C-alpha atoms as a PDB file:
ATOM      1  CA  MET A   1      82.827  85.185 109.043  1.00  0.00           C
ATOM      2  CA  GLN A   2      84.014  81.917 107.663  1.00  0.00           C
ATOM      3  CA  ASN A   3      86.111  79.888 110.068  1.00  0.00           C
ATOM      4  CA  LEU A   4      89.463  80.160 108.335  1.00  0.00           C
ATOM      5  CA  ASP A   5      91.193  78.207 111.103  1.00  0.00           C
ATOM      6  CA  GLN A   6      89.820  75.046 109.500  1.00  0.00           C
ATOM      7  CA  ILE A   7      90.792  75.784 105.895  1.00  0.00           C
ATOM      8  CA  GLU A   8      94.120  73.975 105.940  1.00  0.00           C
ATOM      9  CA  GLY A   9      92.511  70.993 107.666  1.00  0.00           C
ATOM     10  CA  LYS A  10      90.082  70.581 104.762  1.00  0.00           C
ATOM     11  CA  GLY A  11      92.749  69.800 102.207  1.00  0.00           C
ATOM     12  CA  PHE A  12      93.596  73.330 101.104  1.00  0.00           C
ATOM     13  CA  GLU A  13      97.131  73.760  99.917  1.00  0.00           C
ATOM     14  CA  PHE A  14      98.339  77.307  99.394  1.00  0.00           C
ATOM     15  CA  PRO A  15      98.687  78.999  97.035  1.00  0.00           C
ATOM     16  CA  CYS A  16      95.338  78.123  95.455  1.00  0.00           C
ATOM     17  CA  GLU A  17      92.270  79.606  93.806  1.00  0.00           C
ATOM     18  CA  TYR A  18      89.609  80.390  96.399  1.00  0.00           C
ATOM     19  CA  PRO A  19      86.077  81.785  95.967  1.00  0.00           C
ATOM     20  CA  VAL A  20      85.444  84.678  98.363  1.00  0.00           C
ATOM     21  CA  LYS A  21      81.714  85.362  98.744  1.00  0.00           C
ATOM     22  CA  ALA A  22      79.793  88.222 100.366  1.00  0.00           C
ATOM     23  CA  MET A  23      76.066  88.843 100.479  1.00  0.00           C
ATOM     24  CA  GLY A  24      74.417  92.240 100.802  1.00  0.00           C
ATOM     25  CA  PRO A  25      71.881  94.574  99.212  1.00  0.00           C
ATOM     26  CA  ASN A  26      71.101  94.208  95.524  1.00  0.00           C
ATOM     27  CA  THR A  27      72.758  97.419  94.375  1.00  0.00           C
ATOM     28  CA  PRO A  28      75.562  98.078  91.880  1.00  0.00           C
ATOM     29  CA  GLU A  29      77.378 100.013  94.612  1.00  0.00           C
ATOM     30  CA  PHE A  30      77.547  96.952  96.853  1.00  0.00           C
ATOM     31  CA  ALA A  31      79.102  94.767  94.176  1.00  0.00           C
ATOM     32  CA  ASP A  32      81.532  97.525  93.171  1.00  0.00           C
ATOM     33  CA  LYS A  33      82.566  98.014  96.809  1.00  0.00           C
ATOM     34  CA  ILE A  34      83.283  94.308  97.353  1.00  0.00           C
ATOM     35  CA  ILE A  35      85.177  93.926  94.072  1.00  0.00           C
ATOM     36  CA  ALA A  36      87.320  97.013  94.720  1.00  0.00           C
ATOM     37  CA  LEU A  37      88.108  95.849  98.228  1.00  0.00           C
ATOM     38  CA  VAL A  38      89.142  92.376  97.091  1.00  0.00           C
ATOM     39  CA  LYS A  39      91.280  93.887  94.317  1.00  0.00           C
ATOM     40  CA  GLN A  40      93.299  95.707  96.976  1.00  0.00           C
ATOM     41  CA  HIS A  41      94.440  92.279  98.179  1.00  0.00           C
ATOM     42  CA  ALA A  42      94.356  90.442  94.846  1.00  0.00           C
ATOM     43  CA  PRO A  43      95.072  92.869  91.976  1.00  0.00           C
ATOM     44  CA  GLU A  44      94.867  90.034  89.442  1.00  0.00           C
ATOM     45  CA  VAL A  45      91.067  89.885  89.833  1.00  0.00           C
ATOM     46  CA  SER A  46      89.326  90.505  86.514  1.00  0.00           C
ATOM     47  CA  ALA A  47      85.713  90.650  85.344  1.00  0.00           C
ATOM     48  CA  ASN A  48      85.986  86.929  84.564  1.00  0.00           C
ATOM     49  CA  SER A  49      86.774  86.293  88.246  1.00  0.00           C
ATOM     50  CA  VAL A  50      83.521  87.853  89.481  1.00  0.00           C
ATOM     51  CA  ASN A  51      80.030  86.365  89.656  1.00  0.00           C
ATOM     52  CA  CYS A  52      77.029  88.260  91.020  1.00  0.00           C
ATOM     53  CA  LYS A  53      73.727  86.528  91.679  1.00  0.00           C
ATOM     54  CA  THR A  54      70.466  88.130  92.807  1.00  0.00           C
ATOM     55  CA  SER A  55      68.330  86.440  95.473  1.00  0.00           C
ATOM     56  CA  SER A  56      64.901  85.082  94.560  1.00  0.00           C
ATOM     57  CA  THR A  57      63.244  88.082  96.229  1.00  0.00           C
ATOM     58  CA  GLY A  58      65.517  90.557  94.426  1.00  0.00           C
ATOM     59  CA  LYS A  59      66.411  92.204  97.731  1.00  0.00           C
ATOM     60  CA  TYR A  60      69.936  90.769  98.095  1.00  0.00           C
ATOM     61  CA  GLN A  61      72.822  89.710  95.927  1.00  0.00           C
ATOM     62  CA  SER A  62      75.806  87.478  96.429  1.00  0.00           C
ATOM     63  CA  VAL A  63      79.124  88.591  95.035  1.00  0.00           C
ATOM     64  CA  THR A  64      81.674  85.834  94.491  1.00  0.00           C
ATOM     65  CA  VAL A  65      85.234  86.748  93.587  1.00  0.00           C
ATOM     66  CA  LEU A  66      87.719  84.033  92.673  1.00  0.00           C
ATOM     67  CA  VAL A  67      91.107  84.999  94.106  1.00  0.00           C
ATOM     68  CA  TYR A  68      94.534  83.445  94.011  1.00  0.00           C
ATOM     69  CA  ALA A  69      95.060  82.958  97.740  1.00  0.00           C
ATOM     70  CA  LEU A  70      98.709  83.009  98.697  1.00  0.00           C
ATOM     71  CA  SER A  71      98.192  81.858 102.288  1.00  0.00           C
ATOM     72  CA  LYS A  72      95.685  81.527 105.080  1.00  0.00           C
ATOM     73  CA  ASP A  73      96.745  84.973 106.335  1.00  0.00           C
ATOM     74  CA  HIS A  74      96.031  86.408 102.891  1.00  0.00           C
ATOM     75  CA  LEU A  75      92.441  85.115 103.071  1.00  0.00           C
ATOM     76  CA  VAL A  76      92.012  86.326 106.645  1.00  0.00           C
ATOM     77  CA  SER A  77      93.011  89.843 105.546  1.00  0.00           C
ATOM     78  CA  ILE A  78      90.511  89.797 102.694  1.00  0.00           C
ATOM     79  CA  TYR A  79      87.678  88.593 104.926  1.00  0.00           C
ATOM     80  CA  LYS A  80      88.487  91.132 107.656  1.00  0.00           C
ATOM     81  CA  ASP A  81      88.158  93.953 105.154  1.00  0.00           C
ATOM     82  CA  ILE A  82      84.971  92.529 103.641  1.00  0.00           C
ATOM     83  CA  ASN A  83      83.389  92.170 107.062  1.00  0.00           C
ATOM     84  CA  SER A  84      84.176  95.808 107.815  1.00  0.00           C
ATOM     85  CA  VAL A  85      81.728  96.857 105.072  1.00  0.00           C
ATOM     86  CA  GLU A  86      78.522  97.898 106.806  1.00  0.00           C
ATOM     87  CA  ASP A  87      76.198  96.462 104.141  1.00  0.00           C
ATOM     88  CA  VAL A  88      77.658  92.935 104.276  1.00  0.00           C
ATOM     89  CA  LYS A  89      75.062  90.542 105.695  1.00  0.00           C
ATOM     90  CA  TRP A  90      77.273  87.446 105.630  1.00  0.00           C
ATOM     91  CA  THR A  91      80.395  85.958 104.072  1.00  0.00           C
ATOM     92  CA  LEU A  92      81.248  82.484 102.951  1.00  0.00           C
END
């Protein structure tokens, strides 16, 4: 999981837009799962806020969701839920 303790030290000022990224298997179900989970925390997420990219081997995909992060705690909650998904290989 990303080290969110350092976010504020890197010049982040909340609230702000923040790209939440998870990587997992290249399936529509994985992307749908991540998007739905993030929407529980950030209901404003739309199709324009989501970018999915397949790895060069086609085995994995990264799902990036741009959220309006209200605070560091808000991001921590999102990442905790994402990391609870069994198929997630890593987050950024």
